[in-house]
């Protein structure tokens, strides 16, 4: 699922309290872009080096929403002639 307009989806690198919720490392949350920037600068976003401008820009870019792929129907293989 893509983040709502004006927000960015981030993955936490450390424990974090937000709106009374205890969030754990690895949790994904949607936050406003300005809050995401603060969390990146503080080192709370997994996989983003706050000293790498390209990594920060990529993390703040809106996610491209992808259409879910259609599941392929199971192959209907014949097991061979039925034996009696």
C-alpha atoms as a PDB file:
ATOM      1  CA  UNK A   1       0.000   0.000   0.000  1.00  0.00           C
ATOM      2  CA  UNK A   2       1.347   3.430  -0.887  1.00  0.00           C
ATOM      3  CA  UNK A   3       1.604   6.264   1.597  1.00  0.00           C
ATOM      4  CA  UNK A   4      -1.143   8.876   1.614  1.00  0.00           C
ATOM      5  CA  UNK A   5      -0.524  12.100  -0.335  1.00  0.00           C
ATOM      6  CA  UNK A   6       1.797  14.428   1.574  1.00  0.00           C
ATOM      7  CA  UNK A   7       3.233  11.566   3.597  1.00  0.00           C
ATOM      8  CA  UNK A   8       6.183   9.216   3.272  1.00  0.00           C
ATOM      9  CA  UNK A   9       6.380   5.584   4.368  1.00  0.00           C
ATOM     10  CA  UNK A  10       9.476   4.888   6.460  1.00  0.00           C
ATOM     11  CA  UNK A  11      10.885   1.867   8.265  1.00  0.00           C
ATOM     12  CA  UNK A  12      12.077   2.521  11.784  1.00  0.00           C
ATOM     13  CA  UNK A  13      15.629   1.638  12.813  1.00  0.00           C
ATOM     14  CA  UNK A  14      15.066   2.180  16.567  1.00  0.00           C
ATOM     15  CA  UNK A  15      12.302   2.051  19.165  1.00  0.00           C
ATOM     16  CA  UNK A  16      10.074   5.101  18.888  1.00  0.00           C
ATOM     17  CA  UNK A  17       7.020   6.442  20.741  1.00  0.00           C
ATOM     18  CA  UNK A  18       4.464   8.146  18.517  1.00  0.00           C
ATOM     19  CA  UNK A  19       0.967   9.214  19.518  1.00  0.00           C
ATOM     20  CA  UNK A  20       1.151   6.962  22.579  1.00  0.00           C
ATOM     21  CA  UNK A  21       2.132   3.890  20.540  1.00  0.00           C
ATOM     22  CA  UNK A  22       5.336   1.977  21.175  1.00  0.00           C
ATOM     23  CA  UNK A  23       6.860   1.324  17.753  1.00  0.00           C
ATOM     24  CA  UNK A  24       9.622  -1.207  17.199  1.00  0.00           C
ATOM     25  CA  UNK A  25      12.572  -1.371  14.821  1.00  0.00           C
ATOM     26  CA  UNK A  26      11.321  -2.663  11.472  1.00  0.00           C
ATOM     27  CA  UNK A  27       7.855  -1.133  11.857  1.00  0.00           C
ATOM     28  CA  UNK A  28       6.679   0.797   8.787  1.00  0.00           C
ATOM     29  CA  UNK A  29       4.798   4.016   9.414  1.00  0.00           C
ATOM     30  CA  UNK A  30       3.421   6.813   7.275  1.00  0.00           C
ATOM     31  CA  UNK A  31       4.544  10.266   8.402  1.00  0.00           C
ATOM     32  CA  UNK A  32       4.334  13.761   6.939  1.00  0.00           C
ATOM     33  CA  UNK A  33       7.386  14.660   4.856  1.00  0.00           C
ATOM     34  CA  UNK A  34       8.647  17.217   7.395  1.00  0.00           C
ATOM     35  CA  UNK A  35       8.484  14.615  10.182  1.00  0.00           C
ATOM     36  CA  UNK A  36      10.254  12.056   7.976  1.00  0.00           C
ATOM     37  CA  UNK A  37      13.056  14.552   7.387  1.00  0.00           C
ATOM     38  CA  UNK A  38      13.481  15.023  11.166  1.00  0.00           C
ATOM     39  CA  UNK A  39      13.507  11.261  11.765  1.00  0.00           C
ATOM     40  CA  UNK A  40      16.089  10.736   9.011  1.00  0.00           C
ATOM     41  CA  UNK A  41      18.320  13.460  10.467  1.00  0.00           C
ATOM     42  CA  UNK A  42      18.055  11.828  13.916  1.00  0.00           C
ATOM     43  CA  UNK A  43      18.999   8.422  12.466  1.00  0.00           C
ATOM     44  CA  UNK A  44      15.647   6.764  13.176  1.00  0.00           C
ATOM     45  CA  UNK A  45      14.998   5.584   9.607  1.00  0.00           C
ATOM     46  CA  UNK A  46      16.372   2.195   8.600  1.00  0.00           C
ATOM     47  CA  UNK A  47      18.600   2.084   5.540  1.00  0.00           C
ATOM     48  CA  UNK A  48      19.008   5.844   5.154  1.00  0.00           C
ATOM     49  CA  UNK A  49      22.331   7.537   5.903  1.00  0.00           C
ATOM     50  CA  UNK A  50      21.481  11.091   7.034  1.00  0.00           C
ATOM     51  CA  UNK A  51      24.827  12.260   5.590  1.00  0.00           C
ATOM     52  CA  UNK A  52      24.021  10.960   2.084  1.00  0.00           C
ATOM     53  CA  UNK A  53      21.907  13.558   0.214  1.00  0.00           C
ATOM     54  CA  UNK A  54      20.924  11.051  -2.480  1.00  0.00           C
ATOM     55  CA  UNK A  55      19.711   8.506   0.094  1.00  0.00           C
ATOM     56  CA  UNK A  56      17.731  11.195   1.922  1.00  0.00           C
ATOM     57  CA  UNK A  57      16.138  12.432  -1.321  1.00  0.00           C
ATOM     58  CA  UNK A  58      15.208   8.873  -2.293  1.00  0.00           C
ATOM     59  CA  UNK A  59      13.670   8.229   1.133  1.00  0.00           C
ATOM     60  CA  UNK A  60      11.598  11.418   0.916  1.00  0.00           C
ATOM     61  CA  UNK A  61      10.380  10.758  -2.637  1.00  0.00           C
ATOM     62  CA  UNK A  62       6.796   9.583  -2.915  1.00  0.00           C
ATOM     63  CA  UNK A  63       6.499   5.863  -3.534  1.00  0.00           C
ATOM     64  CA  UNK A  64       5.268   4.822  -6.952  1.00  0.00           C
ATOM     65  CA  UNK A  65       2.049   2.924  -6.539  1.00  0.00           C
ATOM     66  CA  UNK A  66       2.194  -0.377  -8.349  1.00  0.00           C
ATOM     67  CA  UNK A  67      -0.791  -2.345  -9.512  1.00  0.00           C
ATOM     68  CA  UNK A  68      -1.002  -5.725  -7.833  1.00  0.00           C
ATOM     69  CA  UNK A  69      -0.117  -8.518 -10.217  1.00  0.00           C
ATOM     70  CA  UNK A  70      -2.811 -10.961 -11.119  1.00  0.00           C
ATOM     71  CA  UNK A  71      -2.324 -14.410  -9.680  1.00  0.00           C
ATOM     72  CA  UNK A  72      -1.912 -17.113 -12.310  1.00  0.00           C
ATOM     73  CA  UNK A  73      -4.503 -19.847 -12.192  1.00  0.00           C
ATOM     74  CA  UNK A  74      -3.113 -23.219 -11.135  1.00  0.00           C
ATOM     75  CA  UNK A  75      -2.068 -25.497 -13.960  1.00  0.00           C
ATOM     76  CA  UNK A  76      -4.633 -28.179 -14.637  1.00  0.00           C
ATOM     77  CA  UNK A  77      -2.383 -31.129 -15.280  1.00  0.00           C
ATOM     78  CA  UNK A  78      -3.932 -34.487 -15.935  1.00  0.00           C
ATOM     79  CA  UNK A  79      -2.491 -37.238 -13.796  1.00  0.00           C
ATOM     80  CA  UNK A  80      -3.037 -39.747 -16.568  1.00  0.00           C
ATOM     81  CA  UNK A  81      -5.850 -42.143 -17.270  1.00  0.00           C
ATOM     82  CA  UNK A  82      -7.881 -43.223 -14.299  1.00  0.00           C
ATOM     83  CA  UNK A  83      -7.307 -46.802 -13.327  1.00  0.00           C
ATOM     84  CA  UNK A  84      -9.956 -49.049 -11.868  1.00  0.00           C
END
